């Protein structure tokens, strides 16, 4: 079996053109009874509605590593407001997709016997980082069941998405140290007893980044490069905090103004230190495909052990229907089966990167606007037609008519996770 995580396969590129789904792929022997061909027309419709909701542009990159001829790239709108078309090959800020990279680094340390997931995380941090009576385990931190307060709630001034005012005051140019972010969170005290409640907290993954640095004696950026980026050949992935620019060809990010009568704010340049190892990675759709495929399939080189992969995909429920969370991975239940990955929203950029359980198919969907819940929902609605394809209605089955493309209004909605920002 050839995986495009390491060997590129031929792709079909579509920009602003609807493609009809052409059938159903051979059944997968592992996860699902059938592996449907993506409904490119449904994907196109979802992306167009995302742009209509306020994003300058959006794209979906679908890669199937077992079925030839299934790959799709669908792009609509603009990569930049000067009229530059959206490009699914360009780099962007991945936001909380970063948590998958951080989780993989922690699990690699666990595979080496350097971290015990069920010991208190403070044992792997510089002395005094967390109070001596804070006994949340590494596993609970990775699951967002630690009870550690999310420091970003204070930086952004409100729950939910970020504001343009807070961005300019505290995010774009201010450089934060991870230890200071954690100290700020600690001042709020425990929010719940460890292991008792799911509460998404970016501070959890800042803590894990500090643990990685403490155990390796190296920077997060260097460890990420040596352990994941170089071995997997991720040519467009980087962590450059506190540098503010994105090198190479990249999509411009736009933060929706709090006052909707004002124009979008170009938020591309930002230093990322306020989320660090929880949300500051820069990557591309091709690299996210390569990473997810290696993470979940284990083919072409072992990124993490089978034991760690099983732990990572062992999920617990969250308050959002159809959404569960493992160790740095989110599980979403679609109509055709469960997919694994993460979402991320960071000023001007939002991404959903998901894969089937064994890495057979990956889908990366992206829009270059944030602070707009309608854009978030529109983008998330792309996952259903991308993974599950076109399905005939009961009437169509009985009359043996050809299935029609999915209508975004009738396709089961994937919930836009309330904590997907950052």
Foldseek 3Di string as FASTA:
>chain_A
DDACLFPNDDADEAELDFDAFDFWDCQDPPFFRTFGQFGRNLLSVLQVLLVVLPFQKKKKWKDFGPDPPRTYIYIYGALDPVGHGDDQFAKDFFFQLLLVLLLLLVQVCVQVVNFDQQFALVVLAPPPLADPPQTAGNFLLLQQQRQFAALVCVLQVHAFDRAPVSCVVPWAPDADDLSVSSVSRCVVPGRDHGPPAHDDHLNSQSSSQRSSCSSVVDHSQVSSCVQPCVVSVQPLKGFDAQFFARDDGHGFFWEQHPPNVDDTDGRSGGRPNSRRSRTGMMGGPSNLLSRVLCLQQVPPHHSHDPVSLVQQPDWDDHPDPQWTGGRSKIWGQFPRGIWIGAWEADHQKIWDWIAHRNSSMIMIMITRYDPRVSSLQSRQLSVRSRGPNFDADPVCVVVVHDTDRDDSVPGDGTDSDSPRYD
